[in-house]
Every structure is written in C-alpha cells, then in structure tokens.
C-alpha cells in the first residue's frame, strides 16, 4: 500500500508516520493490487473542542473513493479508530462490489462473502438471483446489503449559502440542497463536527 501522510497544526514525527502506515497496511491484505491511500492528521486550534485530534483517511480504488475520519483527544487513538473503520469499509466494498479483474461478474449467481470469511473463517452463502428470491426477507437483505427504499422530490430554491445555513437549522436537518444564486449551481450545505458548516458545490 502506498500511503501519503500529511499534517495540519501538528508535527509529523517519524514515529507518528510509521504508526499510521503500519495501521493502514492491514487493509492491503484484502486486495491483490496495491492500494493508494492518503492520511491527513490535524489538530483543531479551538480549545473548546474536546476531541480536537482528527485522523482522516482516503483510499482510491477502481475509480471509487473510500473515506473515513475519526476525532478523539489523542491522535494515536484517532488513528486506531479510523484505521479500523477504513478496513471495515474496504472489506464491505470487496464483498459487495469488487471482482477480480476490476469487472463486475456477469454470472447470475451472486456470491455474498461474510465478514467472518474475510477474517479467515470458512463460511459463505450464495443466492440465486431469480424470481424465487424474496427481496423482503431479512436474511436476503442482509446479504445483498443496503438498497434504495425511499425517494423524495422537492423544488430547489435559489438563495445565498448564508441563507441555506439558516434553513439547515430551521429544518433540523444535517444537510440542505439549494441553487446557489451567485453561481446558478446545485449546492449542498451540511453540518460539520466542529459546529460550523460545509459547502459542497460541483466543478462543472
């Protein structure tokens, strides 16, 4: 695994870098090809933030991005937590979406590999994807993974990002989509862990 470690408001010692690389290397065992990984270690300057030491990890695989972030009062603990999260996400990705040769299998039989099997336990199940499969069955749902069960449509309103922040608070939502009246682009305002807001906007 290729790991690039960067820091923000923190001294990146050799011991800290080696610790990050060693923890993230565990996820490599699930894949035959080398993974590219970026880790950002940052410390919030605001003394009011208790969990001020954050470890963020981003892994690119087959055009997909796997990302995780954890914040605690200790950087080494944050690294431990985010490394475990990334490994779980990569196992889930391999189980549900990844196929050797970087292609999705065309076989109608979908093999669902459990997390226990990835941990060297000999257990797997196979589900025949035909009309006889009850997609509402709890066991089938657990094997196939999450699926879209509800959709919602609403009219996007043109407004300034500052106004969109007010809507997030008024509605009690974690995010809010709107049309940025300054750029005419569809954007999203969301709550950050530090209590501030984040703005997501497309590059097109």
Foldseek 3Di string as FASTA:
>chain_A
DAEAEDEEPDDDDPVNVVLLCVLQVVLCVVDPDDKYKYKYWYADPPPVDQQGTKIKMWIDDLNDIDIDMATHNDNSVRSNVRSVVSSVVSVVCCQAPADPVRDDDPDQKRWGDDPVVVVVDPDTDIDRPDPVDDCPDPVNCVRNDDDDDDDDDDDAEEDAPVVLVVVCVVVVHQKDWHQDNVVRWIKMWGADPVGDIDIGTDPD
